[in-house]
Amino acid sequence: VRLVESGGGLVQPGGSLTLSCAASGFVLKHYIMTWVRQAPGKGLEWVCTFYSAGGRECSDSVKGRFTISRNDANNTLYLTMIDLKPEDTAVYHCATGSGLGTNRGQGTQVTVSS
């Protein structure tokens, strides 16, 4: 199982980013997949989950602004983020499983600052 995140960066408040999570060693669509994040000095926080049957849910703190999606053709998970806020600053990880996940990638840094 290998997960590699990309797409992070520095963005101004109100901006947008799309994170990618390339999976290898397994077929992503057969698993529940999750995005979690870790802000500086804080613990892991659940962001969004994509269920293998197709259902999705996100935490109240990002609902309406973040969308989790999956491309089965290229075995990749995405997190599309709009209207970013400074409190969204964190390292974002994709993971297998629900909750805080089981196997996590190394993460990609998202910094929201003017």
Protein backbone atom coordinates (compact mmCIF):
# COMPACT_ATOMS: atom_id res chain seq x y z
CA VAL A 1 0.00 0.00 0.00
CA ARG A 2 1.46 3.33 -1.04
CA LEU A 3 -0.22 6.73 -0.97
CA VAL A 4 1.45 9.86 -2.34
CA GLU A 5 -0.19 13.25 -1.82
CA SER A 6 0.47 16.34 -3.91
CA GLY A 7 -1.05 19.70 -4.77
CA GLY A 8 -0.47 21.64 -1.57
CA GLY A 9 0.97 25.12 -1.44
CA LEU A 10 0.52 28.69 -0.27
CA VAL A 11 -2.83 30.30 -1.05
CA GLN A 12 -4.56 33.49 0.04
CA PRO A 13 -7.74 33.40 2.12
CA GLY A 14 -10.71 32.77 -0.13
CA GLY A 15 -8.56 30.85 -2.59
CA SER A 16 -8.82 27.29 -3.89
CA LEU A 17 -6.64 24.21 -4.16
CA THR A 18 -7.10 20.63 -5.28
CA LEU A 19 -5.08 17.95 -3.53
CA SER A 20 -4.33 14.59 -5.16
CA CYS A 21 -3.57 11.23 -3.60
CA ALA A 22 -2.07 8.67 -5.97
CA ALA A 23 -2.56 5.12 -4.75
CA SER A 24 -0.44 2.12 -5.71
CA GLY A 25 -0.34 -1.48 -4.59
CA PHE A 26 -4.10 -1.73 -4.23
CA VAL A 27 -7.31 -0.78 -6.02
CA LEU A 28 -8.52 2.39 -4.38
CA LYS A 29 -12.22 1.96 -5.26
CA HIS A 30 -12.42 -1.19 -3.11
CA TYR A 31 -11.55 0.74 0.05
CA ILE A 32 -13.00 3.45 2.21
CA MET A 33 -10.67 6.42 1.76
CA THR A 34 -10.26 9.44 3.97
CA TRP A 35 -8.54 12.80 4.11
CA VAL A 36 -7.22 13.93 7.48
CA ARG A 37 -5.17 16.98 8.43
CA GLN A 38 -2.81 18.08 11.16
CA ALA A 39 -2.46 21.75 11.98
CA PRO A 40 0.71 23.05 13.67
CA GLY A 41 0.82 21.94 17.28
CA LYS A 42 -2.45 19.99 17.05
CA GLY A 43 -3.52 16.38 16.60
CA LEU A 44 -4.96 14.70 13.54
CA GLU A 45 -8.38 15.92 12.44
CA TRP A 46 -10.80 14.04 10.20
CA VAL A 47 -11.74 16.03 7.07
CA CYS A 48 -13.70 13.91 4.56
CA THR A 49 -14.40 10.25 3.75
CA PHE A 50 -15.29 8.57 0.47
CA TYR A 51 -17.04 5.24 0.99
CA SER A 52 -16.32 2.43 -1.43
CA ALA A 53 -20.00 2.27 -2.43
CA GLY A 54 -19.85 5.94 -3.42
CA GLY A 55 -21.20 7.82 -0.42
CA ARG A 56 -19.26 10.80 0.93
CA GLU A 57 -19.21 12.92 4.04
CA CYS A 58 -17.17 15.77 5.42
CA SER A 59 -16.71 17.38 8.80
CA ASP A 60 -18.84 20.37 9.74
CA SER A 61 -15.77 22.62 9.66
CA VAL A 62 -15.29 22.07 5.91
CA LYS A 63 -18.77 21.11 4.72
CA GLY A 64 -19.83 23.16 1.74
CA ARG A 65 -16.24 24.19 1.01
CA PHE A 66 -14.39 20.87 0.52
CA THR A 67 -15.33 18.03 -1.83
CA ILE A 68 -13.82 14.54 -1.83
CA SER A 69 -13.80 12.66 -5.12
CA ARG A 70 -12.21 9.67 -6.76
CA ASN A 71 -10.97 8.82 -10.25
CA ASP A 72 -11.03 5.06 -10.71
CA ALA A 73 -9.26 5.20 -14.07
CA ASN A 74 -6.09 6.61 -12.53
CA ASN A 75 -6.56 5.20 -9.02
CA THR A 76 -6.43 8.65 -7.46
CA LEU A 77 -8.32 10.35 -4.63
CA TYR A 78 -8.87 14.12 -4.65
CA LEU A 79 -9.80 16.85 -2.23
CA THR A 80 -11.10 20.03 -3.85
CA MET A 81 -11.01 22.97 -1.46
CA ILE A 82 -12.62 26.36 -2.04
CA ASP A 83 -13.02 29.47 0.12
CA LEU A 84 -9.95 28.51 2.11
CA LYS A 85 -9.47 30.04 5.55
CA PRO A 86 -6.32 30.52 7.66
CA GLU A 87 -7.60 27.80 10.01
CA ASP A 88 -7.37 25.32 7.12
CA THR A 89 -3.58 25.58 7.31
CA ALA A 90 -2.28 22.05 7.96
CA VAL A 91 -0.51 19.04 6.53
CA TYR A 92 -3.13 17.04 4.64
CA HIS A 93 -2.88 13.26 4.45
CA CYS A 94 -4.92 10.70 2.59
CA ALA A 95 -5.50 7.40 4.32
CA THR A 96 -7.19 4.05 3.95
CA GLY A 97 -10.16 3.45 6.20
CA SER A 98 -12.50 5.80 8.01
CA GLY A 99 -11.99 8.07 10.98
CA LEU A 100 -8.35 9.05 11.22
CA GLY A 101 -7.44 6.27 8.79
CA THR A 102 -5.04 3.35 8.94
CA ASN A 103 -2.31 3.72 6.33
CA ARG A 104 -1.49 7.37 5.69
CA GLY A 105 0.70 9.03 3.10
CA GLN A 106 3.46 11.49 3.93
CA GLY A 107 1.16 14.45 3.45
CA THR A 108 1.16 17.74 1.58
CA GLN A 109 1.36 21.16 3.23
CA VAL A 110 -1.44 23.68 2.73
CA THR A 111 -0.82 27.19 4.02
CA VAL A 112 -3.58 29.79 3.87
CA SER A 113 -2.18 33.25 4.48
CA SER A 114 -2.24 36.73 3.05
